[in-house]
Amino acid sequence: MKYEIILLCFMTVFALGQRTCSDILEEQNVAERFPYYVAHGSHSLTLNDIRAFFDARASEENGVAIVNFNLTGDVLLPNAPLISLNNRFTSSALFALDHILSNMEDNEYDIKNANALDRIAHALHMQEFWSETSKFFNKLSQKARSKKICNCIQQIYDEDITQELLHIAKQIRKPEQMYFVPGVHGRSKNRMKMSYHFCCVGYSFRFKRSGKLPAIASIVDEESWDLWKNETTGGLTQKIKDEMAYNFALYLGCKLQ
């Protein structure tokens, strides 16, 4: 009996010394909404962007899944793709502009039902987020990119990240199923083309009951631009923006090794 008690005590101490993935990720300040933050950051990322903002030597086998720009092809791509364009531009902003305008007449590319200004605004919004993320990415310690931490991220969050990407893909590909026009009914709904837009952190909770988000008008004038700005930045305090950027940086730190 005495030896059984000693053995039990030893096993308890040993078990307590083994940290779980939850413990490890909590130490790294991984947010509860980690999968959503990652999906938001990666859904339209290209290898061109990765090389411009994060790692100039990143390969085509980068492991960063995105929503396919070709809306008639596979829903997700397993790697952020290298986009080849016919230009001599060297800046990320002009790369994005050329990428959009070179496909601006194709409603089955990038964002369904979005006009050129919508797509440009979205692309620059993402570039702003990647720029903020790069500040955290460049400060990541070797510990934050350790095999133990990266394995835990993969083990706990991979499937949830995929589900978040699929949700964004549905918003992009089938906006009529994912958005509603507030206060508008019947045929008049057709006056507003619904398309994907990033709308304030926490939107999925506020509109969970209907399963749909409120649509906003395409950017065609100063008034609609004002609305787009307010909707995109609604609820985004600096604390939340930093949290989103840090968590996405942690994810990229594991992928780009």
C-alpha atoms as a PDB file:
ATOM      1  CA  MET A   1       0.000   0.000   0.000  1.00  0.00           C
ATOM      2  CA  LYS A   2       2.854   2.336   0.906  1.00  0.00           C
ATOM      3  CA  TYR A   3       4.518   1.777  -2.452  1.00  0.00           C
ATOM      4  CA  GLU A   4       1.224   2.275  -4.300  1.00  0.00           C
ATOM      5  CA  ILE A   5       0.788   5.682  -2.647  1.00  0.00           C
ATOM      6  CA  ILE A   6       4.349   6.675  -3.555  1.00  0.00           C
ATOM      7  CA  LEU A   7       3.771   5.550  -7.153  1.00  0.00           C
ATOM      8  CA  LEU A   8       0.499   7.477  -7.331  1.00  0.00           C
ATOM      9  CA  CYS A   9       2.204  10.628  -6.016  1.00  0.00           C
ATOM     10  CA  PHE A  10       5.003  10.238  -8.565  1.00  0.00           C
ATOM     11  CA  MET A  11       2.520   9.822 -11.436  1.00  0.00           C
ATOM     12  CA  THR A  12       0.562  12.883 -10.305  1.00  0.00           C
ATOM     13  CA  VAL A  13       3.677  15.051 -10.160  1.00  0.00           C
ATOM     14  CA  PHE A  14       4.739  13.745 -13.593  1.00  0.00           C
ATOM     15  CA  ALA A  15       1.316  14.473 -15.069  1.00  0.00           C
ATOM     16  CA  LEU A  16       1.283  17.993 -13.654  1.00  0.00           C
ATOM     17  CA  GLY A  17       4.687  18.598 -15.199  1.00  0.00           C
ATOM     18  CA  GLN A  18       3.378  17.822 -18.685  1.00  0.00           C
ATOM     19  CA  ARG A  19       1.977  21.011 -20.140  1.00  0.00           C
ATOM     20  CA  THR A  20      -0.957  20.705 -22.502  1.00  0.00           C
ATOM     21  CA  CYS A  21      -1.254  22.530 -25.815  1.00  0.00           C
ATOM     22  CA  SER A  22      -3.781  24.828 -24.178  1.00  0.00           C
ATOM     23  CA  ASP A  23      -1.188  25.782 -21.566  1.00  0.00           C
ATOM     24  CA  ILE A  24       1.508  26.336 -24.197  1.00  0.00           C
ATOM     25  CA  LEU A  25      -0.676  28.513 -26.439  1.00  0.00           C
ATOM     26  CA  GLU A  26      -2.017  30.495 -23.492  1.00  0.00           C
ATOM     27  CA  GLU A  27       1.579  31.418 -22.651  1.00  0.00           C
ATOM     28  CA  GLN A  28       1.898  32.778 -26.201  1.00  0.00           C
ATOM     29  CA  ASN A  29      -1.267  34.891 -25.797  1.00  0.00           C
ATOM     30  CA  VAL A  30      -3.088  33.059 -28.575  1.00  0.00           C
ATOM     31  CA  ALA A  31      -6.526  34.640 -28.848  1.00  0.00           C
ATOM     32  CA  GLU A  32      -9.827  32.791 -28.594  1.00  0.00           C
ATOM     33  CA  ARG A  33     -10.642  33.982 -32.126  1.00  0.00           C
ATOM     34  CA  PHE A  34      -7.338  32.773 -33.562  1.00  0.00           C
ATOM     35  CA  PRO A  35      -8.931  30.802 -36.460  1.00  0.00           C
ATOM     36  CA  TYR A  36     -10.941  33.819 -37.583  1.00  0.00           C
ATOM     37  CA  TYR A  37      -7.962  36.169 -37.357  1.00  0.00           C
ATOM     38  CA  VAL A  38      -5.871  33.771 -39.436  1.00  0.00           C
ATOM     39  CA  ALA A  39      -8.561  33.271 -42.071  1.00  0.00           C
ATOM     40  CA  HIS A  40      -9.107  37.001 -42.382  1.00  0.00           C
ATOM     41  CA  GLY A  41      -5.394  37.573 -42.837  1.00  0.00           C
ATOM     42  CA  SER A  42      -4.799  34.757 -45.291  1.00  0.00           C
ATOM     43  CA  HIS A  43      -7.922  34.549 -47.443  1.00  0.00           C
ATOM     44  CA  SER A  44      -6.586  36.797 -50.239  1.00  0.00           C
ATOM     45  CA  LEU A  45      -2.853  36.465 -49.615  1.00  0.00           C
ATOM     46  CA  THR A  46      -0.588  35.816 -52.600  1.00  0.00           C
ATOM     47  CA  LEU A  47       2.996  34.606 -52.621  1.00  0.00           C
ATOM     48  CA  ASN A  48       3.843  38.049 -54.014  1.00  0.00           C
ATOM     49  CA  ASP A  49       2.418  39.579 -50.822  1.00  0.00           C
ATOM     50  CA  ILE A  50       4.193  37.077 -48.579  1.00  0.00           C
ATOM     51  CA  ARG A  51       7.518  37.956 -50.200  1.00  0.00           C
ATOM     52  CA  ALA A  52       6.815  41.691 -49.995  1.00  0.00           C
ATOM     53  CA  PHE A  53       5.626  41.812 -46.377  1.00  0.00           C
ATOM     54  CA  PHE A  54       7.060  38.780 -44.587  1.00  0.00           C
ATOM     55  CA  ASP A  55       9.675  36.570 -46.213  1.00  0.00           C
ATOM     56  CA  ALA A  56      11.414  37.409 -49.490  1.00  0.00           C
ATOM     57  CA  ARG A  57      12.582  33.795 -49.818  1.00  0.00           C
ATOM     58  CA  ALA A  58       9.196  32.141 -49.305  1.00  0.00           C
ATOM     59  CA  SER A  59       8.520  29.275 -51.704  1.00  0.00           C
ATOM     60  CA  GLU A  60       5.476  28.285 -53.713  1.00  0.00           C
ATOM     61  CA  GLU A  61       5.020  25.387 -51.262  1.00  0.00           C
ATOM     62  CA  ASN A  62       4.312  27.819 -48.414  1.00  0.00           C
ATOM     63  CA  GLY A  63       1.404  26.000 -46.757  1.00  0.00           C
ATOM     64  CA  VAL A  64      -0.705  29.159 -46.378  1.00  0.00           C
ATOM     65  CA  ALA A  65      -4.188  28.219 -47.575  1.00  0.00           C
ATOM     66  CA  ILE A  66      -6.279  30.912 -49.281  1.00  0.00           C
ATOM     67  CA  VAL A  67      -9.637  31.376 -50.978  1.00  0.00           C
ATOM     68  CA  ASN A  68      -9.166  30.734 -54.696  1.00  0.00           C
ATOM     69  CA  PHE A  69      -9.320  33.939 -56.763  1.00  0.00           C
ATOM     70  CA  ASN A  70     -10.867  31.869 -59.561  1.00  0.00           C
ATOM     71  CA  LEU A  71     -14.420  31.555 -58.256  1.00  0.00           C
ATOM     72  CA  THR A  72     -15.232  28.678 -60.629  1.00  0.00           C
ATOM     73  CA  GLY A  73     -12.262  26.552 -59.513  1.00  0.00           C
ATOM     74  CA  ASP A  74     -11.484  24.743 -56.273  1.00  0.00           C
ATOM     75  CA  VAL A  75     -12.820  26.688 -53.298  1.00  0.00           C
ATOM     76  CA  LEU A  76      -9.504  26.792 -51.411  1.00  0.00           C
ATOM     77  CA  LEU A  77      -5.889  26.596 -52.532  1.00  0.00           C
ATOM     78  CA  PRO A  78      -3.381  24.882 -50.203  1.00  0.00           C
ATOM     79  CA  ASN A  79      -0.661  27.467 -50.909  1.00  0.00           C
ATOM     80  CA  ALA A  80      -0.733  31.213 -51.504  1.00  0.00           C
ATOM     81  CA  PRO A  81      -0.098  31.406 -55.268  1.00  0.00           C
ATOM     82  CA  LEU A  82       2.446  33.404 -57.221  1.00  0.00           C
ATOM     83  CA  ILE A  83       0.527  35.814 -59.469  1.00  0.00           C
ATOM     84  CA  SER A  84       2.277  36.615 -62.755  1.00  0.00           C
ATOM     85  CA  LEU A  85       1.337  39.992 -64.234  1.00  0.00           C
ATOM     86  CA  ASN A  86       2.573  41.920 -67.230  1.00  0.00           C
ATOM     87  CA  ASN A  87       3.959  45.071 -65.611  1.00  0.00           C
ATOM     88  CA  ARG A  88       7.122  46.740 -64.372  1.00  0.00           C
ATOM     89  CA  PHE A  89       5.716  47.895 -61.046  1.00  0.00           C
ATOM     90  CA  THR A  90       7.783  47.341 -57.919  1.00  0.00           C
ATOM     91  CA  SER A  91       5.385  48.424 -55.151  1.00  0.00           C
ATOM     92  CA  SER A  92       2.832  46.189 -53.439  1.00  0.00           C
ATOM     93  CA  ALA A  93       0.086  48.755 -53.969  1.00  0.00           C
ATOM     94  CA  LEU A  94       0.587  48.856 -57.740  1.00  0.00           C
ATOM     95  CA  PHE A  95       0.849  45.069 -57.855  1.00  0.00           C
ATOM     96  CA  ALA A  96      -2.597  44.903 -56.189  1.00  0.00           C
ATOM     97  CA  LEU A  97      -3.982  47.552 -58.535  1.00  0.00           C
ATOM     98  CA  ASP A  98      -2.769  45.696 -61.622  1.00  0.00           C
ATOM     99  CA  HIS A  99      -4.037  42.376 -60.270  1.00  0.00           C
ATOM    100  CA  ILE A 100      -7.505  43.856 -59.798  1.00  0.00           C
ATOM    101  CA  LEU A 101      -7.793  45.971 -62.928  1.00  0.00           C
ATOM    102  CA  SER A 102      -6.433  43.172 -65.118  1.00  0.00           C
ATOM    103  CA  ASN A 103      -9.467  41.101 -64.033  1.00  0.00           C
ATOM    104  CA  MET A 104     -12.003  43.867 -63.395  1.00  0.00           C
ATOM    105  CA  GLU A 105     -14.518  42.673 -66.008  1.00  0.00           C
ATOM    106  CA  ASP A 106     -14.597  39.108 -64.706  1.00  0.00           C
ATOM    107  CA  ASN A 107     -17.348  38.675 -62.099  1.00  0.00           C
ATOM    108  CA  GLU A 108     -16.090  35.163 -61.370  1.00  0.00           C
ATOM    109  CA  TYR A 109     -12.696  36.386 -60.202  1.00  0.00           C
ATOM    110  CA  ASP A 110     -11.685  37.764 -56.805  1.00  0.00           C
ATOM    111  CA  ILE A 111     -14.983  38.996 -55.277  1.00  0.00           C
ATOM    112  CA  LYS A 112     -18.315  38.294 -56.941  1.00  0.00           C
ATOM    113  CA  ASN A 113     -20.500  41.372 -57.612  1.00  0.00           C
ATOM    114  CA  ALA A 114     -17.806  43.770 -56.354  1.00  0.00           C
ATOM    115  CA  ASN A 115     -16.850  46.630 -58.642  1.00  0.00           C
ATOM    116  CA  ALA A 116     -13.274  47.769 -59.216  1.00  0.00           C
ATOM    117  CA  LEU A 117     -13.361  50.336 -56.387  1.00  0.00           C
ATOM    118  CA  ASP A 118     -14.720  47.736 -53.945  1.00  0.00           C
ATOM    119  CA  ARG A 119     -11.895  45.366 -54.854  1.00  0.00           C
ATOM    120  CA  ILE A 120      -9.218  48.053 -54.628  1.00  0.00           C
ATOM    121  CA  ALA A 121     -10.487  49.180 -51.213  1.00  0.00           C
ATOM    122  CA  HIS A 122     -10.484  45.582 -50.007  1.00  0.00           C
ATOM    123  CA  ALA A 123      -6.961  44.959 -51.315  1.00  0.00           C
ATOM    124  CA  LEU A 124      -5.564  48.057 -49.627  1.00  0.00           C
ATOM    125  CA  HIS A 125      -7.383  47.195 -46.406  1.00  0.00           C
ATOM    126  CA  MET A 126      -5.622  43.825 -46.472  1.00  0.00           C
ATOM    127  CA  GLN A 127      -2.258  45.421 -47.236  1.00  0.00           C
ATOM    128  CA  GLU A 128      -2.679  47.690 -44.226  1.00  0.00           C
ATOM    129  CA  PHE A 129      -3.350  44.605 -42.087  1.00  0.00           C
ATOM    130  CA  TRP A 130      -0.318  42.754 -43.502  1.00  0.00           C
ATOM    131  CA  SER A 131       1.857  45.796 -42.863  1.00  0.00           C
ATOM    132  CA  GLU A 132       0.759  45.796 -39.209  1.00  0.00           C
ATOM    133  CA  THR A 133       1.262  42.027 -39.024  1.00  0.00           C
ATOM    134  CA  SER A 134       4.806  42.318 -40.392  1.00  0.00           C
ATOM    135  CA  LYS A 135       5.832  44.385 -37.345  1.00  0.00           C
ATOM    136  CA  PHE A 136       4.918  41.494 -35.054  1.00  0.00           C
ATOM    137  CA  PHE A 137       6.267  38.890 -37.485  1.00  0.00           C
ATOM    138  CA  ASN A 138       9.709  40.492 -37.513  1.00  0.00           C
ATOM    139  CA  LYS A 139       9.821  40.423 -33.713  1.00  0.00           C
ATOM    140  CA  LEU A 140       8.844  36.780 -33.258  1.00  0.00           C
ATOM    141  CA  SER A 141      11.273  34.887 -31.066  1.00  0.00           C
ATOM    142  CA  GLN A 142      12.627  31.460 -31.955  1.00  0.00           C
ATOM    143  CA  LYS A 143      10.540  30.112 -29.077  1.00  0.00           C
ATOM    144  CA  ALA A 144       7.363  31.453 -30.674  1.00  0.00           C
ATOM    145  CA  ARG A 145       8.276  29.539 -33.845  1.00  0.00           C
ATOM    146  CA  SER A 146       9.287  26.351 -32.040  1.00  0.00           C
ATOM    147  CA  LYS A 147       8.118  22.950 -33.215  1.00  0.00           C
ATOM    148  CA  LYS A 148       6.186  22.440 -29.972  1.00  0.00           C
ATOM    149  CA  ILE A 149       4.156  25.635 -30.399  1.00  0.00           C
ATOM    150  CA  CYS A 150       3.607  25.134 -34.122  1.00  0.00           C
ATOM    151  CA  ASN A 151       2.470  21.545 -33.603  1.00  0.00           C
ATOM    152  CA  CYS A 152      -0.027  22.750 -31.002  1.00  0.00           C
ATOM    153  CA  ILE A 153      -1.373  25.424 -33.359  1.00  0.00           C
ATOM    154  CA  GLN A 154      -1.777  22.829 -36.096  1.00  0.00           C
ATOM    155  CA  GLN A 155      -3.336  20.255 -33.790  1.00  0.00           C
ATOM    156  CA  ILE A 156      -5.881  22.595 -32.204  1.00  0.00           C
ATOM    157  CA  TYR A 157      -6.692  25.113 -34.929  1.00  0.00           C
ATOM    158  CA  ASP A 158      -6.114  23.681 -38.419  1.00  0.00           C
ATOM    159  CA  GLU A 159      -9.669  22.439 -38.919  1.00  0.00           C
ATOM    160  CA  ASP A 160     -11.212  25.609 -37.475  1.00  0.00           C
ATOM    161  CA  ILE A 161      -9.062  27.764 -39.770  1.00  0.00           C
ATOM    162  CA  THR A 162     -10.268  25.744 -42.756  1.00  0.00           C
ATOM    163  CA  GLN A 163     -13.893  26.212 -41.689  1.00  0.00           C
ATOM    164  CA  GLU A 164     -13.387  29.982 -41.329  1.00  0.00           C
ATOM    165  CA  LEU A 165     -11.823  30.120 -44.805  1.00  0.00           C
ATOM    166  CA  LEU A 166     -14.746  28.178 -46.255  1.00  0.00           C
ATOM    167  CA  HIS A 167     -17.142  30.630 -44.604  1.00  0.00           C
ATOM    168  CA  ILE A 168     -15.337  33.606 -46.155  1.00  0.00           C
ATOM    169  CA  ALA A 169     -15.254  31.758 -49.487  1.00  0.00           C
ATOM    170  CA  LYS A 170     -19.030  31.385 -49.380  1.00  0.00           C
ATOM    171  CA  GLN A 171     -19.418  35.100 -48.658  1.00  0.00           C
ATOM    172  CA  ILE A 172     -17.219  35.832 -51.674  1.00  0.00           C
ATOM    173  CA  ARG A 173     -18.721  33.257 -54.053  1.00  0.00           C
ATOM    174  CA  LYS A 174     -22.389  33.269 -53.020  1.00  0.00           C
ATOM    175  CA  PRO A 175     -23.069  36.714 -51.561  1.00  0.00           C
ATOM    176  CA  GLU A 176     -26.809  36.426 -52.227  1.00  0.00           C
ATOM    177  CA  GLN A 177     -26.937  33.613 -49.656  1.00  0.00           C
ATOM    178  CA  MET A 178     -24.778  35.383 -47.083  1.00  0.00           C
ATOM    179  CA  TYR A 179     -26.023  38.984 -47.043  1.00  0.00           C
ATOM    180  CA  PHE A 180     -29.303  40.821 -46.746  1.00  0.00           C
ATOM    181  CA  VAL A 181     -30.244  44.399 -47.567  1.00  0.00           C
ATOM    182  CA  PRO A 182     -31.390  46.083 -44.323  1.00  0.00           C
ATOM    183  CA  GLY A 183     -34.944  47.421 -44.472  1.00  0.00           C
ATOM    184  CA  VAL A 184     -35.405  46.472 -48.119  1.00  0.00           C
ATOM    185  CA  HIS A 185     -37.841  43.843 -49.331  1.00  0.00           C
ATOM    186  CA  GLY A 186     -39.060  42.299 -52.551  1.00  0.00           C
ATOM    187  CA  ARG A 187     -37.801  43.260 -55.998  1.00  0.00           C
ATOM    188  CA  SER A 188     -36.099  46.408 -54.755  1.00  0.00           C
ATOM    189  CA  LYS A 189     -33.380  44.156 -53.304  1.00  0.00           C
ATOM    190  CA  ASN A 190     -32.033  43.769 -56.824  1.00  0.00           C
ATOM    191  CA  ARG A 191     -31.045  47.441 -56.850  1.00  0.00           C
ATOM    192  CA  MET A 192     -28.125  46.654 -54.561  1.00  0.00           C
ATOM    193  CA  LYS A 193     -25.606  44.053 -55.641  1.00  0.00           C
ATOM    194  CA  MET A 194     -24.441  42.151 -52.604  1.00  0.00           C
ATOM    195  CA  SER A 195     -20.740  41.340 -52.327  1.00  0.00           C
ATOM    196  CA  TYR A 196     -18.222  40.308 -49.703  1.00  0.00           C
ATOM    197  CA  HIS A 197     -16.926  42.931 -47.296  1.00  0.00           C
ATOM    198  CA  PHE A 198     -15.112  42.812 -43.982  1.00  0.00           C
ATOM    199  CA  CYS A 199     -17.504  44.113 -41.359  1.00  0.00           C
ATOM    200  CA  CYS A 200     -16.206  44.771 -37.900  1.00  0.00           C
ATOM    201  CA  VAL A 201     -14.911  42.184 -35.474  1.00  0.00           C
ATOM    202  CA  GLY A 202     -17.698  40.222 -33.829  1.00  0.00           C
ATOM    203  CA  TYR A 203     -20.091  40.373 -36.766  1.00  0.00           C
ATOM    204  CA  SER A 204     -20.615  36.599 -36.790  1.00  0.00           C
ATOM    205  CA  PHE A 205     -22.088  36.782 -33.296  1.00  0.00           C
ATOM    206  CA  ARG A 206     -24.333  39.787 -33.911  1.00  0.00           C
ATOM    207  CA  PHE A 207     -25.963  38.222 -36.970  1.00  0.00           C
ATOM    208  CA  LYS A 208     -25.834  34.567 -35.979  1.00  0.00           C
ATOM    209  CA  ARG A 209     -29.606  34.229 -35.758  1.00  0.00           C
ATOM    210  CA  SER A 210     -30.283  35.193 -39.380  1.00  0.00           C
ATOM    211  CA  GLY A 211     -27.075  33.628 -40.647  1.00  0.00           C
ATOM    212  CA  LYS A 212     -26.614  36.651 -42.879  1.00  0.00           C
ATOM    213  CA  LEU A 213     -24.761  39.948 -42.735  1.00  0.00           C
ATOM    214  CA  PRO A 214     -26.128  43.350 -43.757  1.00  0.00           C
ATOM    215  CA  ALA A 215     -25.007  44.269 -47.264  1.00  0.00           C
ATOM    216  CA  ILE A 216     -23.476  47.637 -48.042  1.00  0.00           C
ATOM    217  CA  ALA A 217     -23.627  49.457 -51.356  1.00  0.00           C
ATOM    218  CA  SER A 218     -20.732  49.322 -53.798  1.00  0.00           C
ATOM    219  CA  ILE A 219     -18.365  52.289 -53.734  1.00  0.00           C
ATOM    220  CA  VAL A 220     -19.606  54.661 -56.413  1.00  0.00           C
ATOM    221  CA  ASP A 221     -19.460  58.089 -54.748  1.00  0.00           C
ATOM    222  CA  GLU A 222     -18.333  59.893 -51.589  1.00  0.00           C
ATOM    223  CA  GLU A 223     -21.346  58.771 -49.579  1.00  0.00           C
ATOM    224  CA  SER A 224     -20.844  55.065 -50.314  1.00  0.00           C
ATOM    225  CA  TRP A 225     -17.108  55.421 -49.645  1.00  0.00           C
ATOM    226  CA  ASP A 226     -17.905  56.935 -46.250  1.00  0.00           C
ATOM    227  CA  LEU A 227     -20.186  53.996 -45.485  1.00  0.00           C
ATOM    228  CA  TRP A 228     -17.530  51.463 -46.548  1.00  0.00           C
ATOM    229  CA  LYS A 229     -14.923  53.088 -44.307  1.00  0.00           C
ATOM    230  CA  ASN A 230     -17.205  53.109 -41.280  1.00  0.00           C
ATOM    231  CA  GLU A 231     -18.343  49.509 -41.766  1.00  0.00           C
ATOM    232  CA  THR A 232     -14.814  48.202 -42.292  1.00  0.00           C
ATOM    233  CA  THR A 233     -13.339  49.850 -39.217  1.00  0.00           C
ATOM    234  CA  GLY A 234     -16.378  49.495 -36.949  1.00  0.00           C
ATOM    235  CA  GLY A 235     -15.307  48.261 -33.524  1.00  0.00           C
ATOM    236  CA  LEU A 236     -11.654  47.972 -34.510  1.00  0.00           C
ATOM    237  CA  THR A 237      -9.809  49.510 -31.593  1.00  0.00           C
ATOM    238  CA  GLN A 238      -6.011  49.563 -31.681  1.00  0.00           C
ATOM    239  CA  LYS A 239      -6.000  46.777 -29.093  1.00  0.00           C
ATOM    240  CA  ILE A 240      -8.089  44.533 -31.339  1.00  0.00           C
ATOM    241  CA  LYS A 241      -6.013  45.375 -34.419  1.00  0.00           C
ATOM    242  CA  ASP A 242      -2.834  44.487 -32.531  1.00  0.00           C
ATOM    243  CA  GLU A 243      -4.375  41.240 -31.313  1.00  0.00           C
ATOM    244  CA  MET A 244      -5.385  40.273 -34.848  1.00  0.00           C
ATOM    245  CA  ALA A 245      -1.976  41.161 -36.287  1.00  0.00           C
ATOM    246  CA  TYR A 246      -0.026  39.346 -33.564  1.00  0.00           C
ATOM    247  CA  ASN A 247      -2.039  36.148 -33.922  1.00  0.00           C
ATOM    248  CA  PHE A 248      -1.700  36.121 -37.696  1.00  0.00           C
ATOM    249  CA  ALA A 249       2.035  36.755 -37.338  1.00  0.00           C
ATOM    250  CA  LEU A 250       2.281  33.747 -35.006  1.00  0.00           C
ATOM    251  CA  TYR A 251       0.556  31.580 -37.605  1.00  0.00           C
ATOM    252  CA  LEU A 252       2.824  32.790 -40.423  1.00  0.00           C
ATOM    253  CA  GLY A 253       5.860  32.279 -38.229  1.00  0.00           C
ATOM    254  CA  CYS A 254       5.015  28.575 -38.157  1.00  0.00           C
ATOM    255  CA  LYS A 255       4.258  28.314 -41.865  1.00  0.00           C
ATOM    256  CA  LEU A 256       7.213  30.290 -43.217  1.00  0.00           C
ATOM    257  CA  GLN A 257      10.164  28.360 -41.795  1.00  0.00           C
END
